[in-house]
Amino acid sequence: MHEFFCGATEWWFEFLDFRTCIGVPLISSWQDLRHSLILKFTQDDYEKILYLIDKQIHYIIIIVIIIIIIIIIICHICNLVKRQGGKT
């Protein structure tokens, strides 16, 4: 088991050194590693496009959630103003 972990560690540091040598940004998270490996090893451009679209969908969902929260806050403020009779 010790050899497995040492081998994995050596591979990781060699991988980071290689990326540094070729000028590619270092991988700082598992998501970055997954993204890098998918783009490197997927054979079909279609799969790469699907992966990139999937990543964009996550950003769109976050933006929609933020917009909904802002709308809820604005509605809550409007209701408070109406309850106070338009007084600020």
PDB file of N, CA and C in Angstrom:
ATOM      1  N   MET A   1       0.832  -1.186   0.000  1.00  0.00           N
ATOM      2  CA  MET A   1       0.000   0.000   0.000  1.00  0.00           C
ATOM      3  C   MET A   1       0.879   1.254   0.000  1.00  0.00           C
ATOM      4  N   HIS A   2       1.973   1.191   0.736  1.00  0.00           N
ATOM      5  CA  HIS A   2       2.890   2.327   0.796  1.00  0.00           C
ATOM      6  C   HIS A   2       3.440   2.639  -0.603  1.00  0.00           C
ATOM      7  N   GLU A   3       3.778   1.594  -1.376  1.00  0.00           N
ATOM      8  CA  GLU A   3       4.307   1.794  -2.718  1.00  0.00           C
ATOM      9  C   GLU A   3       3.270   2.434  -3.630  1.00  0.00           C
ATOM     10  N   PHE A   4       2.009   2.053  -3.443  1.00  0.00           N
ATOM     11  CA  PHE A   4       0.952   2.641  -4.259  1.00  0.00           C
ATOM     12  C   PHE A   4       0.867   4.146  -4.017  1.00  0.00           C
ATOM     13  N   PHE A   5       0.842   4.539  -2.761  1.00  0.00           N
ATOM     14  CA  PHE A   5       0.722   5.968  -2.453  1.00  0.00           C
ATOM     15  C   PHE A   5       1.953   6.731  -2.893  1.00  0.00           C
ATOM     16  N   CYS A   6       3.137   6.148  -2.711  1.00  0.00           N
ATOM     17  CA  CYS A   6       4.357   6.816  -3.162  1.00  0.00           C
ATOM     18  C   CYS A   6       4.358   6.958  -4.685  1.00  0.00           C
ATOM     19  N   GLY A   7       3.919   5.900  -5.383  1.00  0.00           N
ATOM     20  CA  GLY A   7       3.849   5.962  -6.837  1.00  0.00           C
ATOM     21  C   GLY A   7       2.869   7.022  -7.307  1.00  0.00           C
ATOM     22  N   ALA A   8       1.730   7.112  -6.640  1.00  0.00           N
ATOM     23  CA  ALA A   8       0.737   8.124  -6.997  1.00  0.00           C
ATOM     24  C   ALA A   8       1.280   9.523  -6.743  1.00  0.00           C
ATOM     25  N   THR A   9       1.988   9.686  -5.648  1.00  0.00           N
ATOM     26  CA  THR A   9       2.567  10.991  -5.315  1.00  0.00           C
ATOM     27  C   THR A   9       3.620  11.381  -6.344  1.00  0.00           C
ATOM     28  N   GLU A  10       4.478  10.432  -6.714  1.00  0.00           N
ATOM     29  CA  GLU A  10       5.489  10.715  -7.729  1.00  0.00           C
ATOM     30  C   GLU A  10       4.837  11.097  -9.053  1.00  0.00           C
ATOM     31  N   TRP A  11       3.799  10.349  -9.441  1.00  0.00           N
ATOM     32  CA  TRP A  11       3.106  10.671 -10.684  1.00  0.00           C
ATOM     33  C   TRP A  11       2.531  12.079 -10.626  1.00  0.00           C
ATOM     34  N   TRP A  12       1.935  12.428  -9.485  1.00  0.00           N
ATOM     35  CA  TRP A  12       1.312  13.742  -9.345  1.00  0.00           C
ATOM     36  C   TRP A  12       2.341  14.857  -9.509  1.00  0.00           C
ATOM     37  N   PHE A  13       3.499  14.714  -8.844  1.00  0.00           N
ATOM     38  CA  PHE A  13       4.521  15.755  -8.939  1.00  0.00           C
ATOM     39  C   PHE A  13       5.119  15.828 -10.346  1.00  0.00           C
ATOM     40  N   GLU A  14       5.286  14.688 -11.013  1.00  0.00           N
ATOM     41  CA  GLU A  14       5.751  14.695 -12.395  1.00  0.00           C
ATOM     42  C   GLU A  14       4.720  15.368 -13.298  1.00  0.00           C
ATOM     43  N   PHE A  15       3.457  15.121 -13.046  1.00  0.00           N
ATOM     44  CA  PHE A  15       2.375  15.734 -13.809  1.00  0.00           C
ATOM     45  C   PHE A  15       2.402  17.251 -13.642  1.00  0.00           C
ATOM     46  N   LEU A  16       2.575  17.716 -12.392  1.00  0.00           N
ATOM     47  CA  LEU A  16       2.639  19.158 -12.136  1.00  0.00           C
ATOM     48  C   LEU A  16       3.864  19.775 -12.794  1.00  0.00           C
ATOM     49  N   ASP A  17       5.017  19.091 -12.714  1.00  0.00           N
ATOM     50  CA  ASP A  17       6.236  19.598 -13.358  1.00  0.00           C
ATOM     51  C   ASP A  17       6.051  19.711 -14.867  1.00  0.00           C
ATOM     52  N   PHE A  18       5.431  18.699 -15.458  1.00  0.00           N
ATOM     53  CA  PHE A  18       5.192  18.715 -16.901  1.00  0.00           C
ATOM     54  C   PHE A  18       4.308  19.900 -17.285  1.00  0.00           C
ATOM     55  N   ARG A  19       3.236  20.123 -16.539  1.00  0.00           N
ATOM     56  CA  ARG A  19       2.333  21.238 -16.848  1.00  0.00           C
ATOM     57  C   ARG A  19       3.057  22.576 -16.711  1.00  0.00           C
ATOM     58  N   THR A  20       3.933  22.678 -15.711  1.00  0.00           N
ATOM     59  CA  THR A  20       4.687  23.915 -15.519  1.00  0.00           C
ATOM     60  C   THR A  20       5.631  24.142 -16.695  1.00  0.00           C
ATOM     61  N   CYS A  21       6.297  23.078 -17.138  1.00  0.00           N
ATOM     62  CA  CYS A  21       7.252  23.186 -18.246  1.00  0.00           C
ATOM     63  C   CYS A  21       6.587  23.629 -19.547  1.00  0.00           C
ATOM     64  N   ILE A  22       5.396  23.166 -19.801  1.00  0.00           N
ATOM     65  CA  ILE A  22       4.740  23.528 -21.061  1.00  0.00           C
ATOM     66  C   ILE A  22       3.888  24.789 -20.940  1.00  0.00           C
ATOM     67  N   GLY A  23       3.883  25.386 -19.752  1.00  0.00           N
ATOM     68  CA  GLY A  23       3.185  26.660 -19.569  1.00  0.00           C
ATOM     69  C   GLY A  23       1.694  26.558 -19.355  1.00  0.00           C
ATOM     70  N   VAL A  24       1.212  25.381 -18.985  1.00  0.00           N
ATOM     71  CA  VAL A  24      -0.207  25.189 -18.711  1.00  0.00           C
ATOM     72  C   VAL A  24      -0.442  25.470 -17.231  1.00  0.00           C
ATOM     73  N   PRO A  25      -1.539  26.152 -16.872  1.00  0.00           N
ATOM     74  CA  PRO A  25      -1.802  26.439 -15.459  1.00  0.00           C
ATOM     75  C   PRO A  25      -1.854  25.156 -14.617  1.00  0.00           C
ATOM     76  N   LEU A  26      -1.367  25.273 -13.388  1.00  0.00           N
ATOM     77  CA  LEU A  26      -1.383  24.133 -12.477  1.00  0.00           C
ATOM     78  C   LEU A  26      -2.809  23.768 -12.096  1.00  0.00           C
ATOM     79  N   ILE A  27      -2.999  22.529 -11.749  1.00  0.00           N
ATOM     80  CA  ILE A  27      -4.318  22.035 -11.342  1.00  0.00           C
ATOM     81  C   ILE A  27      -4.446  22.248  -9.840  1.00  0.00           C
ATOM     82  N   SER A  28      -5.509  22.942  -9.451  1.00  0.00           N
ATOM     83  CA  SER A  28      -5.662  23.276  -8.030  1.00  0.00           C
ATOM     84  C   SER A  28      -6.829  22.548  -7.377  1.00  0.00           C
ATOM     85  N   SER A  29      -7.604  21.800  -8.170  1.00  0.00           N
ATOM     86  CA  SER A  29      -8.738  21.093  -7.583  1.00  0.00           C
ATOM     87  C   SER A  29      -9.017  19.828  -8.384  1.00  0.00           C
ATOM     88  N   TRP A  30      -9.840  18.960  -7.794  1.00  0.00           N
ATOM     89  CA  TRP A  30     -10.230  17.744  -8.497  1.00  0.00           C
ATOM     90  C   TRP A  30     -11.041  18.073  -9.728  1.00  0.00           C
ATOM     91  N   GLN A  31     -11.818  19.145  -9.671  1.00  0.00           N
ATOM     92  CA  GLN A  31     -12.609  19.565 -10.828  1.00  0.00           C
ATOM     93  C   GLN A  31     -11.689  19.957 -11.979  1.00  0.00           C
ATOM     94  N   ASP A  32     -10.598  20.687 -11.666  1.00  0.00           N
ATOM     95  CA  ASP A  32      -9.641  21.055 -12.704  1.00  0.00           C
ATOM     96  C   ASP A  32      -8.975  19.820 -13.301  1.00  0.00           C
ATOM     97  N   LEU A  33      -8.620  18.839 -12.436  1.00  0.00           N
ATOM     98  CA  LEU A  33      -7.994  17.607 -12.914  1.00  0.00           C
ATOM     99  C   LEU A  33      -8.969  16.847 -13.820  1.00  0.00           C
ATOM    100  N   ARG A  34     -10.209  16.742 -13.393  1.00  0.00           N
ATOM    101  CA  ARG A  34     -11.230  16.038 -14.184  1.00  0.00           C
ATOM    102  C   ARG A  34     -11.391  16.705 -15.547  1.00  0.00           C
ATOM    103  N   HIS A  35     -11.479  18.033 -15.526  1.00  0.00           N
ATOM    104  CA  HIS A  35     -11.632  18.792 -16.765  1.00  0.00           C
ATOM    105  C   HIS A  35     -10.434  18.543 -17.690  1.00  0.00           C
ATOM    106  N   SER A  36      -9.237  18.598 -17.144  1.00  0.00           N
ATOM    107  CA  SER A  36      -8.025  18.391 -17.928  1.00  0.00           C
ATOM    108  C   SER A  36      -7.992  16.994 -18.544  1.00  0.00           C
ATOM    109  N   LEU A  37      -8.322  15.986 -17.757  1.00  0.00           N
ATOM    110  CA  LEU A  37      -8.281  14.609 -18.253  1.00  0.00           C
ATOM    111  C   LEU A  37      -9.365  14.351 -19.298  1.00  0.00           C
ATOM    112  N   ILE A  38     -10.545  14.926 -19.101  1.00  0.00           N
ATOM    113  CA  ILE A  38     -11.612  14.750 -20.078  1.00  0.00           C
ATOM    114  C   ILE A  38     -11.215  15.374 -21.413  1.00  0.00           C
ATOM    115  N   LEU A  39     -10.661  16.580 -21.362  1.00  0.00           N
ATOM    116  CA  LEU A  39     -10.266  17.234 -22.607  1.00  0.00           C
ATOM    117  C   LEU A  39      -9.101  16.510 -23.272  1.00  0.00           C
ATOM    118  N   LYS A  40      -8.243  15.898 -22.481  1.00  0.00           N
ATOM    119  CA  LYS A  40      -7.072  15.217 -23.038  1.00  0.00           C
ATOM    120  C   LYS A  40      -7.433  13.856 -23.631  1.00  0.00           C
ATOM    121  N   PHE A  41      -8.294  13.112 -22.962  1.00  0.00           N
ATOM    122  CA  PHE A  41      -8.498  11.723 -23.342  1.00  0.00           C
ATOM    123  C   PHE A  41      -9.795  11.423 -24.075  1.00  0.00           C
ATOM    124  N   THR A  42     -10.701  12.376 -24.187  1.00  0.00           N
ATOM    125  CA  THR A  42     -11.916  12.081 -24.944  1.00  0.00           C
ATOM    126  C   THR A  42     -11.569  12.074 -26.426  1.00  0.00           C
ATOM    127  N   GLN A  43     -12.047  11.066 -27.102  1.00  0.00           N
ATOM    128  CA  GLN A  43     -11.720  10.882 -28.514  1.00  0.00           C
ATOM    129  C   GLN A  43     -12.590  11.746 -29.413  1.00  0.00           C
ATOM    130  N   ASP A  44     -13.783  11.951 -28.985  1.00  0.00           N
ATOM    131  CA  ASP A  44     -14.758  12.595 -29.847  1.00  0.00           C
ATOM    132  C   ASP A  44     -14.950  14.045 -29.437  1.00  0.00           C
ATOM    133  N   ASP A  45     -14.932  14.960 -30.388  1.00  0.00           N
ATOM    134  CA  ASP A  45     -15.178  16.365 -30.082  1.00  0.00           C
ATOM    135  C   ASP A  45     -16.568  16.568 -29.491  1.00  0.00           C
ATOM    136  N   TYR A  46     -17.494  15.706 -29.872  1.00  0.00           N
ATOM    137  CA  TYR A  46     -18.853  15.795 -29.347  1.00  0.00           C
ATOM    138  C   TYR A  46     -18.863  15.669 -27.831  1.00  0.00           C
ATOM    139  N   GLU A  47     -18.065  14.733 -27.288  1.00  0.00           N
ATOM    140  CA  GLU A  47     -18.007  14.554 -25.840  1.00  0.00           C
ATOM    141  C   GLU A  47     -17.396  15.776 -25.164  1.00  0.00           C
ATOM    142  N   LYS A  48     -16.388  16.358 -25.791  1.00  0.00           N
ATOM    143  CA  LYS A  48     -15.770  17.560 -25.227  1.00  0.00           C
ATOM    144  C   LYS A  48     -16.779  18.713 -25.191  1.00  0.00           C
ATOM    145  N   ILE A  49     -17.523  18.856 -26.264  1.00  0.00           N
ATOM    146  CA  ILE A  49     -18.528  19.926 -26.320  1.00  0.00           C
ATOM    147  C   ILE A  49     -19.597  19.706 -25.250  1.00  0.00           C
ATOM    148  N   LEU A  50     -20.050  18.453 -25.094  1.00  0.00           N
ATOM    149  CA  LEU A  50     -21.042  18.163 -24.056  1.00  0.00           C
ATOM    150  C   LEU A  50     -20.505  18.502 -22.671  1.00  0.00           C
ATOM    151  N   TYR A  51     -19.246  18.182 -22.423  1.00  0.00           N
ATOM    152  CA  TYR A  51     -18.664  18.488 -21.118  1.00  0.00           C
ATOM    153  C   TYR A  51     -18.634  19.993 -20.893  1.00  0.00           C
ATOM    154  N   LEU A  52     -18.199  20.742 -21.891  1.00  0.00           N
ATOM    155  CA  LEU A  52     -18.121  22.195 -21.738  1.00  0.00           C
ATOM    156  C   LEU A  52     -19.509  22.816 -21.573  1.00  0.00           C
ATOM    157  N   ILE A  53     -20.499  22.289 -22.288  1.00  0.00           N
ATOM    158  CA  ILE A  53     -21.878  22.777 -22.139  1.00  0.00           C
ATOM    159  C   ILE A  53     -22.386  22.471 -20.738  1.00  0.00           C
ATOM    160  N   ASP A  54     -22.086  21.273 -20.235  1.00  0.00           N
ATOM    161  CA  ASP A  54     -22.510  20.890 -18.893  1.00  0.00           C
ATOM    162  C   ASP A  54     -21.926  21.844 -17.863  1.00  0.00           C
ATOM    163  N   LYS A  55     -20.675  22.221 -18.046  1.00  0.00           N
ATOM    164  CA  LYS A  55     -20.035  23.154 -17.117  1.00  0.00           C
ATOM    165  C   LYS A  55     -20.724  24.521 -17.177  1.00  0.00           C
ATOM    166  N   GLN A  56     -21.089  24.975 -18.395  1.00  0.00           N
ATOM    167  CA  GLN A  56     -21.761  26.259 -18.542  1.00  0.00           C
ATOM    168  C   GLN A  56     -23.153  26.241 -17.916  1.00  0.00           C
ATOM    169  N   ILE A  57     -23.828  25.105 -17.987  1.00  0.00           N
ATOM    170  CA  ILE A  57     -25.165  24.986 -17.404  1.00  0.00           C
ATOM    171  C   ILE A  57     -25.118  25.232 -15.901  1.00  0.00           C
ATOM    172  N   HIS A  58     -24.057  24.768 -15.255  1.00  0.00           N
ATOM    173  CA  HIS A  58     -23.927  25.006 -13.813  1.00  0.00           C
ATOM    174  C   HIS A  58     -23.863  26.510 -13.524  1.00  0.00           C
ATOM    175  N   TYR A  59     -23.113  27.250 -14.345  1.00  0.00           N
ATOM    176  CA  TYR A  59     -23.033  28.690 -14.143  1.00  0.00           C
ATOM    177  C   TYR A  59     -24.381  29.359 -14.395  1.00  0.00           C
ATOM    178  N   ILE A  60     -25.099  28.908 -15.404  1.00  0.00           N
ATOM    179  CA  ILE A  60     -26.411  29.474 -15.710  1.00  0.00           C
ATOM    180  C   ILE A  60     -27.380  29.221 -14.554  1.00  0.00           C
ATOM    181  N   ILE A  61     -27.357  28.015 -13.992  1.00  0.00           N
ATOM    182  CA  ILE A  61     -28.236  27.694 -12.860  1.00  0.00           C
ATOM    183  C   ILE A  61     -27.921  28.597 -11.678  1.00  0.00           C
ATOM    184  N   ILE A  62     -26.656  28.822 -11.401  1.00  0.00           N
ATOM    185  CA  ILE A  62     -26.272  29.701 -10.284  1.00  0.00           C
ATOM    186  C   ILE A  62     -26.776  31.115 -10.534  1.00  0.00           C
ATOM    187  N   ILE A  63     -26.628  31.608 -11.756  1.00  0.00           N
ATOM    188  CA  ILE A  63     -27.099  32.965 -12.074  1.00  0.00           C
ATOM    189  C   ILE A  63     -28.613  33.062 -11.915  1.00  0.00           C
ATOM    190  N   VAL A  64     -29.350  32.057 -12.374  1.00  0.00           N
ATOM    191  CA  VAL A  64     -30.807  32.060 -12.244  1.00  0.00           C
ATOM    192  C   VAL A  64     -31.208  32.056 -10.770  1.00  0.00           C
ATOM    193  N   ILE A  65     -30.535  31.261  -9.958  1.00  0.00           N
ATOM    194  CA  ILE A  65     -30.840  31.227  -8.521  1.00  0.00           C
ATOM    195  C   ILE A  65     -30.594  32.590  -7.888  1.00  0.00           C
ATOM    196  N   ILE A  66     -29.497  33.236  -8.255  1.00  0.00           N
ATOM    197  CA  ILE A  66     -29.196  34.571  -7.711  1.00  0.00           C
ATOM    198  C   ILE A  66     -30.275  35.569  -8.134  1.00  0.00           C
ATOM    199  N   ILE A  67     -30.708  35.509  -9.382  1.00  0.00           N
ATOM    200  CA  ILE A  67     -31.769  36.418  -9.860  1.00  0.00           C
ATOM    201  C   ILE A  67     -33.073  36.172  -9.097  1.00  0.00           C
ATOM    202  N   ILE A  68     -33.413  34.912  -8.864  1.00  0.00           N
ATOM    203  CA  ILE A  68     -34.627  34.591  -8.102  1.00  0.00           C
ATOM    204  C   ILE A  68     -34.531  35.137  -6.684  1.00  0.00           C
ATOM    205  N   ILE A  69     -33.386  34.995  -6.065  1.00  0.00           N
ATOM    206  CA  ILE A  69     -33.203  35.520  -4.700  1.00  0.00           C
ATOM    207  C   ILE A  69     -33.362  37.030  -4.691  1.00  0.00           C
ATOM    208  N   ILE A  70     -32.795  37.703  -5.679  1.00  0.00           N
ATOM    209  CA  ILE A  70     -32.928  39.164  -5.757  1.00  0.00           C
ATOM    210  C   ILE A  70     -34.391  39.565  -5.934  1.00  0.00           C
ATOM    211  N   ILE A  71     -35.124  38.847  -6.779  1.00  0.00           N
ATOM    212  CA  ILE A  71     -36.554  39.140  -6.977  1.00  0.00           C
ATOM    213  C   ILE A  71     -37.333  38.936  -5.684  1.00  0.00           C
ATOM    214  N   ILE A  72     -37.042  37.862  -4.960  1.00  0.00           N
ATOM    215  CA  ILE A  72     -37.717  37.605  -3.681  1.00  0.00           C
ATOM    216  C   ILE A  72     -37.432  38.729  -2.694  1.00  0.00           C
ATOM    217  N   ILE A  73     -36.199  39.187  -2.638  1.00  0.00           N
ATOM    218  CA  ILE A  73     -35.835  40.289  -1.719  1.00  0.00           C
ATOM    219  C   ILE A  73     -36.575  41.568  -2.107  1.00  0.00           C
ATOM    220  N   ILE A  74     -36.624  41.867  -3.409  1.00  0.00           N
ATOM    221  CA  ILE A  74     -37.325  43.075  -3.866  1.00  0.00           C
ATOM    222  C   ILE A  74     -38.816  42.986  -3.533  1.00  0.00           C
ATOM    223  N   CYS A  75     -39.419  41.821  -3.760  1.00  0.00           N
ATOM    224  CA  CYS A  75     -40.842  41.644  -3.428  1.00  0.00           C
ATOM    225  C   CYS A  75     -41.069  41.810  -1.927  1.00  0.00           C
ATOM    226  N   HIS A  76     -40.168  41.278  -1.135  1.00  0.00           N
ATOM    227  CA  HIS A  76     -40.299  41.397   0.321  1.00  0.00           C
ATOM    228  C   HIS A  76     -40.210  42.868   0.743  1.00  0.00           C
ATOM    229  N   ILE A  77     -39.285  43.598   0.150  1.00  0.00           N
ATOM    230  CA  ILE A  77     -39.144  45.029   0.473  1.00  0.00           C
ATOM    231  C   ILE A  77     -40.402  45.783   0.042  1.00  0.00           C
ATOM    232  N   CYS A  78     -40.939  45.472  -1.130  1.00  0.00           N
ATOM    233  CA  CYS A  78     -42.160  46.139  -1.598  1.00  0.00           C
ATOM    234  C   CYS A  78     -43.332  45.853  -0.661  1.00  0.00           C
ATOM    235  N   ASN A  79     -43.461  44.628  -0.196  1.00  0.00           N
ATOM    236  CA  ASN A  79     -44.527  44.279   0.740  1.00  0.00           C
ATOM    237  C   ASN A  79     -44.365  45.015   2.061  1.00  0.00           C
ATOM    238  N   LEU A  80     -43.153  45.171   2.531  1.00  0.00           N
ATOM    239  CA  LEU A  80     -42.913  45.924   3.771  1.00  0.00           C
ATOM    240  C   LEU A  80     -43.310  47.385   3.604  1.00  0.00           C
ATOM    241  N   VAL A  81     -42.982  47.947   2.437  1.00  0.00           N
ATOM    242  CA  VAL A  81     -43.340  49.345   2.175  1.00  0.00           C
ATOM    243  C   VAL A  81     -44.862  49.493   2.114  1.00  0.00           C
ATOM    244  N   LYS A  82     -45.561  48.555   1.473  1.00  0.00           N
ATOM    245  CA  LYS A  82     -47.015  48.609   1.385  1.00  0.00           C
ATOM    246  C   LYS A  82     -47.645  48.501   2.768  1.00  0.00           C
ATOM    247  N   ARG A  83     -47.096  47.649   3.631  1.00  0.00           N
ATOM    248  CA  ARG A  83     -47.648  47.486   4.983  1.00  0.00           C
ATOM    249  C   ARG A  83     -47.486  48.754   5.817  1.00  0.00           C
ATOM    250  N   GLN A  84     -46.417  49.468   5.559  1.00  0.00           N
ATOM    251  CA  GLN A  84     -46.182  50.692   6.313  1.00  0.00           C
ATOM    252  C   GLN A  84     -46.932  51.883   5.700  1.00  0.00           C
ATOM    253  N   GLY A  85     -47.687  51.626   4.673  1.00  0.00           N
ATOM    254  CA  GLY A  85     -48.496  52.692   4.059  1.00  0.00           C
ATOM    255  C   GLY A  85     -47.670  53.581   3.174  1.00  0.00           C
ATOM    256  N   GLY A  86     -46.603  53.057   2.605  1.00  0.00           N
ATOM    257  CA  GLY A  86     -45.774  53.844   1.712  1.00  0.00           C
ATOM    258  C   GLY A  86     -44.777  54.698   2.443  1.00  0.00           C
ATOM    259  N   LYS A  87     -44.690  54.580   3.755  1.00  0.00           N
ATOM    260  CA  LYS A  87     -43.719  55.364   4.514  1.00  0.00           C
ATOM    261  C   LYS A  87     -42.341  54.692   4.386  1.00  0.00           C
ATOM    262  N   THR A  88     -41.311  55.529   4.318  1.00  0.00           N
ATOM    263  CA  THR A  88     -39.952  54.998   4.232  1.00  0.00           C
ATOM    264  C   THR A  88     -39.211  55.192   5.518  1.00  0.00           C
TER     265      THR A  88
END
